[in-house]
């Protein structure tokens, strides 16, 4: 189980909304904090991975449970 300080529910939203919302949450987080994202859009598998790689935020874990996708993203420590 990964500890997280923030939670983002993007169920029912489609690209690019989940990543745009994630960007807003990460901007307000402190370095090292973790956000758990819940999504239903399969394209988040690609989009959240690209977001993390491009901006340097570690994607700590991801998993799928039926139609739900879960991601744990840590804000990079500069």
C-alpha atoms as a PDB file:
ATOM      1  CA  UNK A   1       0.000   0.000   0.000  1.00  0.00           C
ATOM      2  CA  UNK A   2       1.376   3.368  -1.014  1.00  0.00           C
ATOM      3  CA  UNK A   3       0.820   6.302   1.311  1.00  0.00           C
ATOM      4  CA  UNK A   4      -0.590   9.389  -0.395  1.00  0.00           C
ATOM      5  CA  UNK A   5      -1.490  12.892   0.720  1.00  0.00           C
ATOM      6  CA  UNK A   6      -3.776  13.878  -2.165  1.00  0.00           C
ATOM      7  CA  UNK A   7      -6.513  12.149  -4.119  1.00  0.00           C
ATOM      8  CA  UNK A   8      -7.807  12.985  -7.597  1.00  0.00           C
ATOM      9  CA  UNK A   9     -10.983  11.367  -8.939  1.00  0.00           C
ATOM     10  CA  UNK A  10     -11.257  11.713 -12.712  1.00  0.00           C
ATOM     11  CA  UNK A  11     -13.897   9.017 -13.255  1.00  0.00           C
ATOM     12  CA  UNK A  12     -16.070   9.768 -16.273  1.00  0.00           C
ATOM     13  CA  UNK A  13     -13.611  12.285 -17.721  1.00  0.00           C
ATOM     14  CA  UNK A  14     -11.740  11.807 -20.991  1.00  0.00           C
ATOM     15  CA  UNK A  15      -8.469  12.987 -22.469  1.00  0.00           C
ATOM     16  CA  UNK A  16      -7.142  15.608 -21.901  1.00  0.00           C
ATOM     17  CA  UNK A  17      -9.110  16.438 -18.725  1.00  0.00           C
ATOM     18  CA  UNK A  18      -7.515  13.896 -16.331  1.00  0.00           C
ATOM     19  CA  UNK A  19      -3.975  15.060 -17.134  1.00  0.00           C
ATOM     20  CA  UNK A  20      -4.968  18.726 -16.987  1.00  0.00           C
ATOM     21  CA  UNK A  21      -6.474  18.153 -13.532  1.00  0.00           C
ATOM     22  CA  UNK A  22      -3.397  16.188 -12.446  1.00  0.00           C
ATOM     23  CA  UNK A  23      -1.172  19.060 -13.531  1.00  0.00           C
ATOM     24  CA  UNK A  24      -3.173  21.454 -11.344  1.00  0.00           C
ATOM     25  CA  UNK A  25      -2.973  19.167  -8.308  1.00  0.00           C
ATOM     26  CA  UNK A  26       0.763  18.504  -8.690  1.00  0.00           C
ATOM     27  CA  UNK A  27       1.416  22.243  -8.954  1.00  0.00           C
ATOM     28  CA  UNK A  28      -0.077  22.726  -5.468  1.00  0.00           C
ATOM     29  CA  UNK A  29       1.703  19.745  -3.880  1.00  0.00           C
ATOM     30  CA  UNK A  30       4.938  19.884  -1.903  1.00  0.00           C
ATOM     31  CA  UNK A  31       7.984  18.046  -3.310  1.00  0.00           C
ATOM     32  CA  UNK A  32       7.869  14.366  -2.347  1.00  0.00           C
ATOM     33  CA  UNK A  33       4.101  14.271  -1.746  1.00  0.00           C
ATOM     34  CA  UNK A  34       2.025  11.630  -3.527  1.00  0.00           C
ATOM     35  CA  UNK A  35      -1.333  11.880  -5.300  1.00  0.00           C
ATOM     36  CA  UNK A  36      -3.567   8.873  -5.980  1.00  0.00           C
ATOM     37  CA  UNK A  37      -5.504   9.198  -9.239  1.00  0.00           C
ATOM     38  CA  UNK A  38      -8.631   7.187 -10.034  1.00  0.00           C
ATOM     39  CA  UNK A  39      -9.670   7.156 -13.695  1.00  0.00           C
ATOM     40  CA  UNK A  40     -11.976   5.361 -16.110  1.00  0.00           C
ATOM     41  CA  UNK A  41     -10.406   6.552 -19.381  1.00  0.00           C
ATOM     42  CA  UNK A  42      -8.068   3.850 -20.769  1.00  0.00           C
ATOM     43  CA  UNK A  43      -5.939   6.524 -22.462  1.00  0.00           C
ATOM     44  CA  UNK A  44      -4.738   7.613 -19.014  1.00  0.00           C
ATOM     45  CA  UNK A  45      -2.369   4.610 -19.155  1.00  0.00           C
ATOM     46  CA  UNK A  46      -0.495   6.425 -21.907  1.00  0.00           C
ATOM     47  CA  UNK A  47      -1.186  10.024 -20.875  1.00  0.00           C
ATOM     48  CA  UNK A  48      -0.200   9.832 -17.203  1.00  0.00           C
ATOM     49  CA  UNK A  49       2.975   7.905 -18.052  1.00  0.00           C
ATOM     50  CA  UNK A  50       3.944  10.573 -20.611  1.00  0.00           C
ATOM     51  CA  UNK A  51       3.105  13.353 -18.133  1.00  0.00           C
ATOM     52  CA  UNK A  52       5.411  11.797 -15.530  1.00  0.00           C
ATOM     53  CA  UNK A  53       8.246  11.141 -17.978  1.00  0.00           C
ATOM     54  CA  UNK A  54       8.061  14.618 -19.510  1.00  0.00           C
ATOM     55  CA  UNK A  55       7.938  16.525 -16.201  1.00  0.00           C
ATOM     56  CA  UNK A  56      10.130  14.169 -14.162  1.00  0.00           C
ATOM     57  CA  UNK A  57       7.552  13.160 -11.556  1.00  0.00           C
ATOM     58  CA  UNK A  58       7.943   9.508 -10.486  1.00  0.00           C
ATOM     59  CA  UNK A  59       5.034   7.202 -11.300  1.00  0.00           C
ATOM     60  CA  UNK A  60       5.250   5.021  -8.198  1.00  0.00           C
ATOM     61  CA  UNK A  61       2.618   2.476  -9.230  1.00  0.00           C
ATOM     62  CA  UNK A  62      -0.338   1.848 -11.481  1.00  0.00           C
ATOM     63  CA  UNK A  63      -2.994  -0.838 -11.486  1.00  0.00           C
ATOM     64  CA  UNK A  64      -6.290  -1.692 -13.081  1.00  0.00           C
ATOM     65  CA  UNK A  65      -9.360  -3.146 -11.400  1.00  0.00           C
ATOM     66  CA  UNK A  66     -12.067  -3.796 -13.962  1.00  0.00           C
ATOM     67  CA  UNK A  67     -12.839  -0.463 -15.611  1.00  0.00           C
ATOM     68  CA  UNK A  68     -10.979   1.551 -12.965  1.00  0.00           C
ATOM     69  CA  UNK A  69      -7.392   2.683 -13.351  1.00  0.00           C
ATOM     70  CA  UNK A  70      -5.306   3.776 -10.369  1.00  0.00           C
ATOM     71  CA  UNK A  71      -2.039   5.724 -10.391  1.00  0.00           C
ATOM     72  CA  UNK A  72       0.249   6.979  -7.657  1.00  0.00           C
ATOM     73  CA  UNK A  73       2.362   9.960  -8.728  1.00  0.00           C
ATOM     74  CA  UNK A  74       4.990  11.592  -6.555  1.00  0.00           C
ATOM     75  CA  UNK A  75       5.936  15.225  -7.063  1.00  0.00           C
ATOM     76  CA  UNK A  76       9.589  15.349  -7.945  1.00  0.00           C
ATOM     77  CA  UNK A  77      12.075  16.538  -5.368  1.00  0.00           C
ATOM     78  CA  UNK A  78      14.199  19.202  -7.040  1.00  0.00           C
END
